[in-house]
Amino acid sequence: MRAWLLLTLALPLAAQTAAKPPAPAPRWPDGRVNLGSTAEHKGYWEIRPGGGNRFPRAADIPMQPWARALYNFRAGAVTLYPPLVHCKPAGGPGFFNSPGFEIVDVPETKQIFIINIAGAHSWRVIYMDGRAHPANLRPTYLGHSVGRWDGDTLVIDTVGFNEKQWISGSYPTTSQLHLTERIRRSNVATLDYEVTFDDPGAYTAPWSGSWTIGPGSSSSQWVEGGEIFEYICQNEQ
């Protein structure tokens, strides 16, 4: 016991702090998990390129021949950039780009807003009131999203995408895309994200990917006390 205590005291303060487990995920008075800021824990989710991604290799994704040819062209063209770089919005996983985002839950209107910092500095609206997707959707960059809670996991169902974006890396999608996203906050500093692509126009079967923001899992993090900042996307082309 004494040896353990001496070893603990000898550790640098930073190491002792790092070993302290994160606080539990914040919750609303009704017990529902809060994915964003609270009075006790204000902040936003920071993203760094490549951190924590668990997406399959391109060779393992079930692309149709035309989609694989387009992917290879995009990936091999060094002067070709995603529309996001030219200040166009990106839906689904493409929306969660560096340097970060904030999630704002508004129980009074039964809506959840996801606000990003970079790119077109846009926001997504997830309707939580039980509505269905409209029968006749006008295709957009972000699509139409409805959500529900599966325990502590927010499940987002989105359709109605246009074909003007690269929704994930260089992978093509069509207007048939049906996206299912699952977001879970296991503690105050950890956010898990999983996405499933179901697009029979571009792929022969659904496929999934995921990432995690959290201590020890990636270079991305929950920025305690931080606030999202002004970002000006300027396209000179």
Protein backbone atom coordinates (compact mmCIF):
# COMPACT_ATOMS: atom_id res chain seq x y z
CA MET A 1 0.00 0.00 0.00
CA ARG A 2 2.80 2.38 0.97
CA ALA A 3 4.71 1.62 -2.24
CA TRP A 4 1.60 2.32 -4.33
CA LEU A 5 1.07 5.64 -2.54
CA LEU A 6 4.69 6.71 -3.08
CA LEU A 7 4.46 5.80 -6.77
CA THR A 8 1.24 7.80 -7.15
CA LEU A 9 2.78 10.85 -5.48
CA ALA A 10 5.81 10.56 -7.73
CA LEU A 11 3.72 10.72 -10.91
CA PRO A 12 3.57 14.06 -12.69
CA LEU A 13 0.37 16.00 -11.99
CA ALA A 14 -0.65 15.74 -15.64
CA ALA A 15 -0.43 11.95 -15.52
CA GLN A 16 -2.55 11.83 -12.36
CA THR A 17 -5.12 14.10 -14.00
CA ALA A 18 -5.19 11.99 -17.17
CA ALA A 19 -5.85 8.86 -15.11
CA LYS A 20 -8.96 10.41 -13.56
CA PRO A 21 -12.06 8.99 -15.26
CA PRO A 22 -14.32 11.50 -17.08
CA ALA A 23 -17.51 12.64 -15.43
CA PRO A 24 -20.74 10.87 -16.43
CA ALA A 25 -22.67 12.10 -19.47
CA PRO A 26 -24.86 15.11 -18.59
CA ARG A 27 -28.60 14.53 -18.52
CA TRP A 28 -31.82 16.49 -18.68
CA PRO A 29 -34.09 16.55 -15.60
CA ASP A 30 -36.15 13.73 -17.12
CA GLY A 31 -33.03 11.52 -17.31
CA ARG A 32 -32.49 11.82 -21.06
CA VAL A 33 -28.84 12.22 -22.09
CA ASN A 34 -27.68 15.64 -23.31
CA LEU A 35 -25.26 15.48 -26.25
CA GLY A 36 -24.16 19.12 -25.97
CA SER A 37 -23.45 21.86 -23.46
CA THR A 38 -25.03 22.18 -20.04
CA ALA A 39 -24.77 24.78 -17.29
CA GLU A 40 -22.17 22.60 -15.52
CA HIS A 41 -20.30 21.47 -18.64
CA LYS A 42 -20.21 24.05 -21.43
CA GLY A 43 -18.17 23.24 -24.51
CA TYR A 44 -18.11 21.86 -28.04
CA TRP A 45 -16.80 18.82 -29.91
CA GLU A 46 -13.46 19.41 -31.61
CA ILE A 47 -12.47 17.33 -34.65
CA ARG A 48 -8.98 16.82 -36.02
CA PRO A 49 -8.46 15.19 -39.44
CA GLY A 50 -8.31 11.41 -39.34
CA GLY A 51 -8.75 11.11 -35.60
CA GLY A 52 -10.64 8.06 -34.41
CA ASN A 53 -12.04 7.02 -37.81
CA ARG A 54 -13.02 3.38 -38.29
CA PHE A 55 -14.22 3.33 -41.90
CA PRO A 56 -13.60 0.36 -44.19
CA ARG A 57 -10.98 0.42 -46.91
CA ALA A 58 -12.24 1.49 -50.32
CA ALA A 59 -11.51 -2.01 -51.65
CA ASP A 60 -13.93 -3.47 -49.08
CA ILE A 61 -16.84 -1.16 -49.84
CA PRO A 62 -19.45 -2.76 -52.16
CA MET A 63 -19.45 -0.12 -54.88
CA GLN A 64 -21.12 -0.53 -58.23
CA PRO A 65 -18.64 -0.39 -61.16
CA TRP A 66 -19.50 3.19 -62.13
CA ALA A 67 -19.23 4.33 -58.50
CA ARG A 68 -15.81 2.69 -58.07
CA ALA A 69 -14.58 4.29 -61.29
CA LEU A 70 -15.74 7.71 -60.07
CA TYR A 71 -14.21 7.13 -56.65
CA ASN A 72 -10.86 6.20 -58.23
CA PHE A 73 -10.98 9.30 -60.41
CA ARG A 74 -11.69 11.58 -57.47
CA ALA A 75 -9.09 9.95 -55.23
CA GLY A 76 -6.43 10.13 -57.93
CA ALA A 77 -6.99 13.72 -59.09
CA VAL A 78 -4.61 15.83 -57.00
CA THR A 79 -6.20 19.09 -58.16
CA LEU A 80 -9.79 17.97 -57.48
CA TYR A 81 -11.25 18.93 -54.12
CA PRO A 82 -14.55 18.08 -52.41
CA PRO A 83 -17.35 20.65 -52.77
CA LEU A 84 -16.96 21.30 -49.02
CA VAL A 85 -13.60 22.95 -49.74
CA HIS A 86 -15.46 25.31 -52.07
CA CYS A 87 -17.86 26.33 -49.28
CA LYS A 88 -20.68 23.92 -50.17
CA PRO A 89 -22.49 22.02 -47.37
CA ALA A 90 -21.94 18.31 -46.78
CA GLY A 91 -24.53 16.01 -45.20
CA GLY A 92 -24.23 13.02 -42.91
CA PRO A 93 -20.65 12.22 -41.84
CA GLY A 94 -19.33 14.94 -44.16
CA PHE A 95 -20.96 17.51 -41.88
CA PHE A 96 -18.68 16.55 -38.97
CA ASN A 97 -15.49 18.15 -40.22
CA SER A 98 -12.56 19.98 -38.68
CA PRO A 99 -12.40 22.05 -36.54
CA GLY A 100 -15.62 20.92 -34.86
CA PHE A 101 -19.31 21.23 -34.09
CA GLU A 102 -21.90 21.79 -31.38
CA ILE A 103 -25.11 19.86 -30.65
CA VAL A 104 -28.04 21.89 -29.31
CA ASP A 105 -31.10 20.05 -28.00
CA VAL A 106 -34.28 22.17 -27.83
CA PRO A 107 -36.94 20.13 -25.99
CA GLU A 108 -39.53 22.90 -26.26
CA THR A 109 -39.69 22.58 -30.06
CA LYS A 110 -38.71 18.88 -30.18
CA GLN A 111 -35.73 19.60 -32.41
CA ILE A 112 -32.00 18.93 -32.20
CA PHE A 113 -29.63 21.24 -34.07
CA ILE A 114 -26.11 20.26 -35.10
CA ILE A 115 -24.03 23.35 -35.89
CA ASN A 116 -20.62 23.10 -37.52
CA ILE A 117 -17.79 25.60 -37.58
CA ALA A 118 -16.09 25.07 -40.92
CA GLY A 119 -17.20 24.75 -44.53
CA ALA A 120 -20.42 26.59 -45.20
CA HIS A 121 -20.90 27.20 -41.43
CA SER A 122 -24.32 25.61 -41.66
CA TRP A 123 -26.61 23.63 -39.39
CA ARG A 124 -28.66 20.46 -39.48
CA VAL A 125 -32.15 20.12 -38.02
CA ILE A 126 -33.29 16.77 -36.62
CA TYR A 127 -37.04 16.66 -35.97
CA MET A 128 -37.84 14.73 -32.79
CA ASP A 129 -41.63 15.07 -32.81
CA GLY A 130 -42.38 11.73 -34.47
CA ARG A 131 -43.11 13.12 -37.93
CA ALA A 132 -42.45 11.12 -41.09
CA HIS A 133 -40.41 12.26 -44.06
CA PRO A 134 -42.47 14.33 -46.52
CA ALA A 135 -43.76 12.38 -49.51
CA ASN A 136 -42.29 14.78 -52.06
CA LEU A 137 -38.88 16.02 -50.95
CA ARG A 138 -36.82 18.58 -52.82
CA PRO A 139 -33.28 17.12 -52.83
CA THR A 140 -30.84 19.18 -50.76
CA TYR A 141 -27.25 18.97 -49.52
CA LEU A 142 -28.27 18.02 -45.95
CA GLY A 143 -31.44 16.05 -46.68
CA HIS A 144 -34.42 15.73 -44.34
CA SER A 145 -33.70 14.25 -40.90
CA VAL A 146 -35.99 12.75 -38.27
CA GLY A 147 -34.73 11.31 -35.01
CA ARG A 148 -35.64 9.10 -32.09
CA TRP A 149 -33.99 7.82 -28.93
CA ASP A 150 -32.93 4.20 -28.57
CA GLY A 151 -31.99 4.22 -24.91
CA ASP A 152 -29.13 6.73 -24.67
CA THR A 153 -28.44 6.62 -28.42
CA LEU A 154 -29.79 9.25 -30.81
CA VAL A 155 -30.82 7.55 -34.06
CA ILE A 156 -31.08 9.88 -37.07
CA ASP A 157 -32.84 8.82 -40.27
CA THR A 158 -32.15 11.02 -43.32
CA VAL A 159 -33.32 10.95 -46.95
CA GLY A 160 -33.73 13.53 -49.70
CA PHE A 161 -30.09 14.17 -50.61
CA ASN A 162 -28.95 15.79 -53.82
CA GLU A 163 -25.98 14.46 -55.81
CA LYS A 164 -23.83 17.60 -55.59
CA GLN A 165 -21.71 16.60 -52.62
CA TRP A 166 -19.10 14.11 -51.43
CA ILE A 167 -20.84 12.91 -48.30
CA SER A 168 -17.87 10.86 -47.06
CA GLY A 169 -14.36 11.15 -48.46
CA SER A 170 -14.40 10.63 -52.22
CA TYR A 171 -17.31 8.18 -52.20
CA PRO A 172 -20.18 8.98 -54.60
CA THR A 173 -23.83 8.85 -53.60
CA THR A 174 -27.12 9.25 -55.45
CA SER A 175 -30.55 10.67 -54.65
CA GLN A 176 -31.53 7.16 -53.47
CA LEU A 177 -29.29 7.49 -50.42
CA HIS A 178 -30.89 6.54 -47.09
CA LEU A 179 -28.60 7.42 -44.20
CA THR A 180 -28.87 6.08 -40.64
CA GLU A 181 -26.67 7.70 -37.98
CA ARG A 182 -26.31 6.70 -34.33
CA ILE A 183 -24.78 9.10 -31.79
CA ARG A 184 -24.06 8.14 -28.18
CA ARG A 185 -22.38 10.04 -25.34
CA SER A 186 -21.00 7.50 -22.90
CA ASN A 187 -19.47 10.14 -20.61
CA VAL A 188 -19.01 13.90 -20.61
CA ALA A 189 -15.94 13.74 -22.87
CA THR A 190 -16.74 10.82 -25.22
CA LEU A 191 -18.97 10.81 -28.29
CA ASP A 192 -19.44 7.70 -30.44
CA TYR A 193 -20.76 7.99 -34.00
CA GLU A 194 -21.84 5.26 -36.41
CA VAL A 195 -23.27 5.71 -39.89
CA THR A 196 -24.83 3.26 -42.34
CA PHE A 197 -25.08 4.05 -46.06
CA ASP A 198 -27.95 2.43 -47.93
CA ASP A 199 -27.78 3.68 -51.51
CA PRO A 200 -28.77 1.12 -54.17
CA GLY A 201 -27.94 3.69 -56.83
CA ALA A 202 -24.21 3.53 -56.02
CA TYR A 203 -23.65 0.41 -53.86
CA THR A 204 -24.62 -3.23 -54.08
CA ALA A 205 -25.24 -3.50 -50.32
CA PRO A 206 -25.41 -1.21 -47.28
CA TRP A 207 -22.10 -0.44 -45.55
CA SER A 208 -21.08 1.28 -42.32
CA GLY A 209 -18.32 3.30 -40.69
CA SER A 210 -17.74 4.93 -37.32
CA TRP A 211 -15.57 7.27 -35.28
CA THR A 212 -15.09 8.26 -31.65
CA ILE A 213 -14.25 11.55 -30.01
CA GLY A 214 -12.83 11.05 -26.55
CA PRO A 215 -9.85 10.69 -24.21
CA GLY A 216 -7.29 8.26 -25.58
CA SER A 217 -9.39 7.41 -28.64
CA SER A 218 -8.33 10.12 -31.07
CA SER A 219 -6.78 13.55 -31.45
CA SER A 220 -10.30 14.99 -31.34
CA GLN A 221 -11.82 16.00 -28.00
CA TRP A 222 -14.58 17.61 -25.99
CA VAL A 223 -13.40 21.19 -25.37
CA GLU A 224 -14.59 21.90 -21.86
CA GLY A 225 -15.50 25.59 -21.47
CA GLY A 226 -14.92 26.27 -25.17
CA GLU A 227 -17.25 28.06 -27.58
CA ILE A 228 -17.60 27.59 -31.33
CA PHE A 229 -15.97 30.47 -33.15
CA GLU A 230 -16.49 32.49 -36.32
CA TYR A 231 -15.26 30.79 -39.46
CA ILE A 232 -15.35 32.50 -42.86
CA CYS A 233 -15.34 30.15 -45.84
CA GLN A 234 -14.08 32.06 -48.87
CA ASN A 235 -13.98 30.49 -52.32
CA GLU A 236 -11.95 32.50 -54.79
CA GLN A 237 -12.64 30.23 -57.76
